[in-house]
N, C-alpha and C. Protein backbone atom coordinates (compact mmCIF):
# COMPACT_ATOMS: atom_id res chain seq x y z
N HIS A 1 -19.56 34.94 62.21
CA HIS A 1 -19.56 36.13 61.63
C HIS A 1 -18.13 36.27 61.60
N GLY A 2 -17.52 35.63 62.31
CA GLY A 2 -15.83 35.56 62.64
C GLY A 2 -15.53 36.33 64.06
N ARG A 3 -14.16 36.64 63.97
CA ARG A 3 -13.91 37.16 65.13
C ARG A 3 -13.96 38.60 64.81
N SER A 4 -14.68 39.12 66.04
CA SER A 4 -14.79 40.74 66.01
C SER A 4 -13.43 41.64 66.75
N HIS A 5 -12.91 42.69 66.06
CA HIS A 5 -12.09 43.59 66.79
C HIS A 5 -12.41 44.96 66.57
N ALA A 6 -12.28 45.93 67.45
CA ALA A 6 -12.25 47.33 67.23
C ALA A 6 -11.38 47.76 66.41
N ASP A 7 -11.70 48.65 65.25
CA ASP A 7 -10.96 49.52 64.56
C ASP A 7 -10.10 50.64 65.59
N PRO A 8 -9.02 51.08 64.65
CA PRO A 8 -7.80 52.07 65.86
C PRO A 8 -8.75 52.98 66.25
N GLN A 9 -9.86 53.60 65.62
CA GLN A 9 -10.31 55.08 65.83
C GLN A 9 -11.65 54.71 66.92
N GLY A 10 -11.87 53.53 66.88
CA GLY A 10 -13.23 52.68 67.94
C GLY A 10 -14.70 53.36 67.21
N ASP A 11 -14.30 53.60 66.24
CA ASP A 11 -15.68 54.00 65.13
C ASP A 11 -16.89 52.86 65.18
N HIS A 12 -16.21 51.66 64.95
CA HIS A 12 -17.31 50.59 64.87
C HIS A 12 -16.66 49.24 65.06
N PRO A 13 -17.21 48.09 65.18
CA PRO A 13 -16.59 46.75 65.19
C PRO A 13 -16.47 46.37 63.79
N VAL A 14 -15.25 45.62 63.37
CA VAL A 14 -15.15 45.57 62.19
C VAL A 14 -14.94 43.76 61.98
N THR A 15 -15.61 42.75 61.69
CA THR A 15 -15.08 41.51 61.68
C THR A 15 -14.56 41.10 60.65
N ASP A 16 -13.67 39.65 60.80
CA ASP A 16 -12.84 39.17 59.60
C ASP A 16 -13.77 39.28 58.29
N VAL A 17 -14.82 38.24 58.90
CA VAL A 17 -15.56 37.95 57.46
C VAL A 17 -16.20 39.28 56.58
N ASP A 18 -16.37 40.01 57.51
CA ASP A 18 -16.91 41.56 56.75
C ASP A 18 -15.80 41.85 55.97
N THR A 19 -14.73 41.97 56.51
CA THR A 19 -13.30 42.67 55.83
C THR A 19 -12.92 41.83 54.63
N ALA A 20 -12.80 40.60 54.49
CA ALA A 20 -12.54 39.35 53.85
C ALA A 20 -13.71 40.31 52.49
N ALA A 21 -15.06 40.04 52.58
CA ALA A 21 -16.14 40.26 51.95
C ALA A 21 -15.90 41.35 51.24
N LEU A 22 -15.28 42.57 51.66
CA LEU A 22 -15.14 43.92 51.51
C LEU A 22 -13.86 44.24 50.36
N ILE A 23 -12.83 43.30 51.03
CA ILE A 23 -11.97 43.45 49.62
C ILE A 23 -12.38 42.62 49.00
N SER A 24 -13.18 41.44 48.46
CA SER A 24 -13.40 40.93 47.69
C SER A 24 -14.34 41.69 46.81
N GLU A 25 -14.81 42.28 47.24
CA GLU A 25 -16.07 43.61 46.81
C GLU A 25 -15.22 44.39 45.59
N PHE A 26 -14.01 44.68 46.25
CA PHE A 26 -13.40 46.00 45.95
C PHE A 26 -12.45 45.83 44.75
N ALA A 27 -11.90 44.19 44.91
CA ALA A 27 -11.16 43.72 43.46
C ALA A 27 -12.35 43.45 42.67
N GLU A 28 -13.30 43.07 42.80
CA GLU A 28 -14.08 42.70 41.45
C GLU A 28 -14.60 43.84 41.50
N GLY A 29 -14.91 45.02 42.02
CA GLY A 29 -15.42 46.22 41.39
C GLY A 29 -14.26 47.06 40.53
N ALA A 30 -13.20 46.66 41.12
CA ALA A 30 -12.28 47.45 40.24
C ALA A 30 -11.72 46.70 39.31
N ALA A 31 -11.61 45.51 38.86
CA ALA A 31 -12.02 44.66 37.73
C ALA A 31 -12.86 45.14 36.97
N MET A 32 -14.12 45.09 37.27
CA MET A 32 -15.17 45.80 36.55
C MET A 32 -15.07 47.36 35.91
N TRP A 33 -14.39 47.88 36.92
CA TRP A 33 -14.00 49.80 36.36
C TRP A 33 -12.94 49.27 35.30
N ASP A 34 -12.43 48.72 35.34
CA ASP A 34 -11.47 48.63 34.41
C ASP A 34 -11.66 48.03 33.30
N SER A 35 -12.76 47.02 32.85
CA SER A 35 -13.18 46.78 31.89
C SER A 35 -13.97 48.00 31.17
N LEU A 36 -14.78 48.80 31.98
CA LEU A 36 -15.17 49.99 31.47
C LEU A 36 -14.87 51.29 31.25
N VAL A 37 -13.81 51.41 31.86
CA VAL A 37 -12.97 53.02 31.95
C VAL A 37 -12.73 53.43 30.70
N GLY A 38 -12.76 52.47 29.51
CA GLY A 38 -12.29 53.08 28.14
C GLY A 38 -13.53 53.34 27.41
N SER A 39 -14.78 52.44 28.09
CA SER A 39 -15.90 52.91 26.83
C SER A 39 -17.28 52.93 27.75
N ASP A 40 -17.51 52.97 28.82
CA ASP A 40 -18.44 53.35 29.54
C ASP A 40 -18.22 54.35 30.87
N ALA A 41 -18.11 55.39 30.52
CA ALA A 41 -17.46 56.49 31.54
C ALA A 41 -18.28 56.48 32.84
N LYS A 42 -19.68 56.81 32.53
CA LYS A 42 -20.82 56.82 33.24
C LYS A 42 -20.80 55.66 34.29
N GLN A 43 -20.80 54.59 34.20
CA GLN A 43 -20.89 53.34 34.83
C GLN A 43 -19.40 53.27 35.48
N ALA A 44 -18.52 53.49 34.97
CA ALA A 44 -17.07 53.44 35.16
C ALA A 44 -17.16 54.31 36.45
N ASN A 45 -17.18 55.46 36.22
CA ASN A 45 -17.51 56.48 37.40
C ASN A 45 -18.26 56.26 38.69
N ARG A 46 -19.46 55.49 38.26
CA ARG A 46 -20.40 54.98 39.26
C ARG A 46 -19.72 54.04 40.01
N ILE A 47 -19.04 53.36 39.71
CA ILE A 47 -18.43 52.11 40.22
C ILE A 47 -17.12 52.82 41.03
N PHE A 48 -16.58 53.43 40.47
CA PHE A 48 -15.16 54.43 41.22
C PHE A 48 -15.61 54.79 42.63
N ASP A 49 -16.98 55.64 42.35
CA ASP A 49 -17.29 56.01 43.44
C ASP A 49 -18.06 55.02 44.70
N ARG A 50 -18.12 54.17 44.40
CA ARG A 50 -18.46 53.04 45.43
C ARG A 50 -17.02 52.10 46.12
N LEU A 51 -16.21 52.21 45.04
CA LEU A 51 -14.76 51.43 45.67
C LEU A 51 -14.05 52.16 46.38
N HIS A 52 -14.36 53.91 46.14
CA HIS A 52 -13.56 55.14 47.14
C HIS A 52 -13.97 54.96 48.40
N ALA A 53 -15.72 54.55 48.06
CA ALA A 53 -16.08 54.65 49.80
C ALA A 53 -15.51 53.24 50.09
N LEU A 54 -15.76 52.17 49.49
CA LEU A 54 -15.34 51.01 50.43
C LEU A 54 -14.06 50.97 50.67
N ALA A 55 -13.07 51.64 50.19
CA ALA A 55 -11.68 51.80 50.43
C ALA A 55 -11.62 52.67 51.76
N LYS A 56 -12.41 53.50 52.00
CA LYS A 56 -12.26 54.71 52.89
C LYS A 56 -12.51 53.56 54.38
N GLU A 57 -13.92 52.77 54.00
CA GLU A 57 -14.24 52.26 55.10
C GLU A 57 -13.09 50.77 55.65
N LEU A 58 -12.16 50.11 54.44
CA LEU A 58 -11.59 49.40 54.59
C LEU A 58 -10.05 49.83 55.46
N ARG A 59 -9.92 51.19 55.08
CA ARG A 59 -8.32 51.39 55.68
C ARG A 59 -8.68 52.08 57.08
N GLN A 60 -9.73 51.81 57.73
CA GLN A 60 -10.30 52.33 59.25
C GLN A 60 -9.54 51.13 60.28
N ALA A 61 -9.07 49.95 59.28
CA ALA A 61 -8.71 49.08 60.35
C ALA A 61 -7.56 47.90 59.83
N PRO A 62 -6.63 47.89 60.21
CA PRO A 62 -5.17 47.11 60.17
C PRO A 62 -5.84 45.73 58.81
N ALA A 63 -6.73 45.19 59.48
CA ALA A 63 -7.09 43.87 58.29
C ALA A 63 -7.68 44.54 57.08
N GLY A 64 -8.22 45.62 57.18
CA GLY A 64 -8.59 46.40 55.84
C GLY A 64 -7.59 46.91 54.98
N ARG A 65 -6.54 47.36 55.70
CA ARG A 65 -5.52 48.09 55.02
C ARG A 65 -4.36 46.79 54.35
N ALA A 66 -4.59 45.95 55.14
CA ALA A 66 -3.73 44.70 54.65
C ALA A 66 -4.21 44.01 53.28
N GLY A 67 -5.53 43.71 53.64
CA GLY A 67 -6.35 43.33 52.57
C GLY A 67 -6.05 44.37 51.12
N LEU A 68 -6.06 45.63 51.42
CA LEU A 68 -5.89 46.47 50.19
C LEU A 68 -4.73 46.47 49.41
N LEU A 69 -3.62 46.14 50.31
CA LEU A 69 -2.12 45.91 50.14
C LEU A 69 -1.70 44.79 49.15
N ALA A 70 -2.68 44.09 49.80
CA ALA A 70 -2.53 42.60 48.69
C ALA A 70 -3.04 42.50 47.58
N LEU A 71 -3.58 43.56 47.09
CA LEU A 71 -3.95 43.89 45.50
C LEU A 71 -2.99 44.25 45.02
N ALA A 72 -2.01 44.80 45.46
CA ALA A 72 -0.97 45.02 44.75
C ALA A 72 -0.36 44.45 43.88
N SER A 73 -0.24 43.11 43.77
CA SER A 73 0.15 42.08 42.90
C SER A 73 -1.35 41.59 41.92
N HIS A 74 -2.31 42.24 41.81
CA HIS A 74 -3.15 41.66 41.44
C HIS A 74 -2.97 41.71 39.81
N GLU A 75 -3.27 40.66 39.15
CA GLU A 75 -3.30 40.84 37.98
C GLU A 75 -3.75 41.71 36.94
N ILE A 76 -4.74 42.11 36.96
CA ILE A 76 -5.19 43.37 36.33
C ILE A 76 -4.82 44.92 36.84
N GLN A 77 -4.40 45.40 35.64
CA GLN A 77 -3.84 46.74 35.97
C GLN A 77 -4.36 47.36 36.55
N GLY A 78 -6.28 47.62 36.34
CA GLY A 78 -6.82 48.84 36.92
C GLY A 78 -6.80 48.41 38.12
N VAL A 79 -6.80 47.44 38.91
CA VAL A 79 -7.31 46.99 40.37
C VAL A 79 -5.72 47.24 41.17
N ARG A 80 -4.64 47.34 40.27
CA ARG A 80 -3.72 47.40 40.88
C ARG A 80 -3.44 49.03 40.90
N LEU A 81 -4.07 50.05 40.02
CA LEU A 81 -3.92 51.49 40.21
C LEU A 81 -4.71 51.81 41.15
N LEU A 82 -5.62 51.73 41.06
CA LEU A 82 -6.89 51.76 42.28
C LEU A 82 -6.27 51.41 43.82
N GLU A 83 -5.75 50.56 43.95
CA GLU A 83 -5.32 49.91 45.34
C GLU A 83 -4.26 50.83 45.35
N ALA A 84 -3.19 51.06 44.77
CA ALA A 84 -1.95 51.89 44.98
C ALA A 84 -2.67 53.19 45.66
N THR A 85 -3.50 53.50 44.74
CA THR A 85 -3.69 55.16 44.78
C THR A 85 -4.36 55.12 46.32
N GLU A 86 -5.25 54.11 46.56
CA GLU A 86 -5.70 54.21 47.96
C GLU A 86 -5.06 53.91 48.83
N CYS A 87 -3.73 53.26 48.78
CA CYS A 87 -2.56 53.23 49.71
C CYS A 87 -1.67 53.82 50.00
N LEU A 88 -1.49 54.96 49.40
CA LEU A 88 -0.29 55.76 49.21
C LEU A 88 -0.39 56.55 50.55
N ALA A 89 -1.60 56.68 51.56
CA ALA A 89 -1.47 57.66 52.62
C ALA A 89 -1.03 56.90 53.66
N TRP A 90 -0.85 55.65 53.85
CA TRP A 90 -0.61 54.48 54.78
C TRP A 90 0.73 53.90 54.68
N SER A 91 0.83 53.56 53.05
CA SER A 91 1.88 52.83 52.57
C SER A 91 2.32 53.26 51.47
N PRO A 92 3.12 54.11 51.47
CA PRO A 92 3.81 54.63 49.94
C PRO A 92 5.02 53.82 49.76
N GLU A 93 5.72 53.02 50.42
CA GLU A 93 6.74 52.22 50.10
C GLU A 93 5.93 51.13 49.20
N VAL A 94 5.09 50.99 49.43
CA VAL A 94 4.26 49.90 48.27
C VAL A 94 3.81 50.58 47.08
N ALA A 95 3.12 51.71 47.40
CA ALA A 95 2.05 52.21 46.49
C ALA A 95 2.52 52.80 45.41
N VAL A 96 4.04 53.46 45.73
CA VAL A 96 4.60 54.43 44.86
C VAL A 96 5.30 53.65 43.73
N PRO A 97 5.96 52.54 44.43
CA PRO A 97 6.56 51.62 43.08
C PRO A 97 5.25 51.03 42.11
N THR A 98 4.62 50.54 42.83
CA THR A 98 3.16 50.24 41.78
C THR A 98 2.47 50.99 40.99
N LEU A 99 2.44 52.26 41.15
CA LEU A 99 2.05 53.38 40.44
C LEU A 99 3.50 53.81 39.48
N GLU A 100 4.74 53.95 39.96
CA GLU A 100 5.52 53.85 38.85
C GLU A 100 5.42 52.94 37.77
N ALA A 101 5.45 51.61 38.11
CA ALA A 101 5.35 50.69 37.39
C ALA A 101 4.21 50.65 35.99
N ILE A 102 3.14 51.29 36.74
CA ILE A 102 1.89 51.64 35.97
C ILE A 102 2.29 52.71 34.96
N GLU A 103 2.68 53.73 35.65
CA GLU A 103 3.09 55.32 34.91
C GLU A 103 4.29 54.87 33.59
N GLY A 104 4.86 53.59 34.02
CA GLY A 104 5.34 53.07 32.23
C GLY A 104 5.09 52.66 31.73
N SER A 105 3.78 52.43 31.48
CA SER A 105 3.21 51.46 30.60
C SER A 105 2.50 52.42 29.82
N VAL A 106 1.65 51.91 28.97
CA VAL A 106 0.69 52.73 28.02
C VAL A 106 -0.63 52.45 28.12
N GLY A 107 -1.33 53.68 27.81
CA GLY A 107 -2.81 53.97 28.05
C GLY A 107 -3.22 54.91 29.11
N LEU A 108 -4.52 54.68 29.41
CA LEU A 108 -5.12 55.58 30.11
C LEU A 108 -4.60 55.68 31.89
N HIS A 109 -4.48 54.46 32.10
CA HIS A 109 -3.88 54.28 33.47
C HIS A 109 -2.65 54.74 33.45
N ALA A 110 -1.85 54.54 32.74
CA ALA A 110 -0.16 55.23 32.80
C ALA A 110 -0.68 56.74 33.11
N VAL A 111 -1.62 57.64 32.37
CA VAL A 111 -1.64 58.85 32.46
C VAL A 111 -2.46 58.99 34.02
N SER A 112 -3.19 58.05 34.53
CA SER A 112 -3.74 58.44 35.58
C SER A 112 -3.17 58.05 36.85
N ALA A 113 -1.83 57.08 36.88
CA ALA A 113 -0.65 56.79 37.58
C ALA A 113 0.22 58.38 37.58
N ASN A 114 0.52 58.71 36.30
CA ASN A 114 1.39 59.74 36.74
C ASN A 114 0.74 60.84 36.85
N TYR A 115 -0.16 61.49 37.02
CA TYR A 115 -1.18 62.49 37.51
C TYR A 115 -1.41 62.18 39.67
N THR A 116 -1.59 60.93 39.68
CA THR A 116 -1.66 60.55 40.79
C THR A 116 -0.25 60.65 41.64
N LEU A 117 0.77 60.36 41.26
CA LEU A 117 1.92 60.72 41.64
C LEU A 117 2.29 61.67 41.68
N LYS A 118 2.05 62.56 40.80
CA LYS A 118 2.67 64.21 40.61
C LYS A 118 1.81 64.85 41.87
N SER A 119 0.54 64.54 41.74
CA SER A 119 -0.44 65.41 42.96
C SER A 119 0.21 64.85 44.55
N TYR A 120 0.26 63.51 44.75
CA TYR A 120 0.89 62.80 45.89
C TYR A 120 2.35 63.80 46.24
N ARG A 121 3.39 63.50 45.25
CA ARG A 121 4.55 64.25 45.43
C ARG A 121 4.59 65.65 45.66
N ALA A 122 3.33 66.37 45.27
CA ALA A 122 3.41 67.76 45.18
C ALA A 122 2.40 68.07 46.59
N GLY A 123 2.27 66.89 47.29
CA GLY A 123 1.39 67.53 48.41
C GLY A 123 0.00 67.88 48.46
N ILE A 124 -0.71 67.40 47.17
CA ILE A 124 -2.13 68.20 47.05
C ILE A 124 -3.11 66.85 46.83
N LEU A 125 -2.46 65.62 46.97
CA LEU A 125 -3.57 64.48 46.71
C LEU A 125 -4.60 64.40 47.67
N ASP A 126 -5.96 64.46 47.55
CA ASP A 126 -6.98 64.32 48.54
C ASP A 126 -7.57 62.98 48.41
N LEU A 127 -7.31 62.34 49.37
CA LEU A 127 -8.26 60.74 49.25
C LEU A 127 -9.57 60.64 50.05
N ASP A 128 -9.48 62.04 50.85
CA ASP A 128 -10.78 62.02 51.83
C ASP A 128 -12.28 62.58 51.45
N TRP A 129 -12.46 62.78 49.99
CA TRP A 129 -13.68 62.97 49.36
C TRP A 129 -14.63 62.19 49.37
């Protein structure tokens, strides 16, 4: 299964193989979400909820956080939007510029990035739901 190491909180062991698979699932799911967000809100919302649950699991271990951060340069804007939103809590130096770049574009993702940044800067963004 790959090397196993305890996560910082000691909740459960996470293997490198598991982390890589979860990062891949997150990226693929975020790309699917991106393709559906303007056309099938119900399906997009289901995918979004799953992605948030994945991100909550990934952020428990350094390898998971690093894997999410690596998506900051993903070619699909929706993947970058979700990655940056999830990474704000521990890596604002990467997440904020990513969100600002998306905010400067046109479309629904720009609006989402704008509201995410406003909530973050106001101290009211809750990523623990």
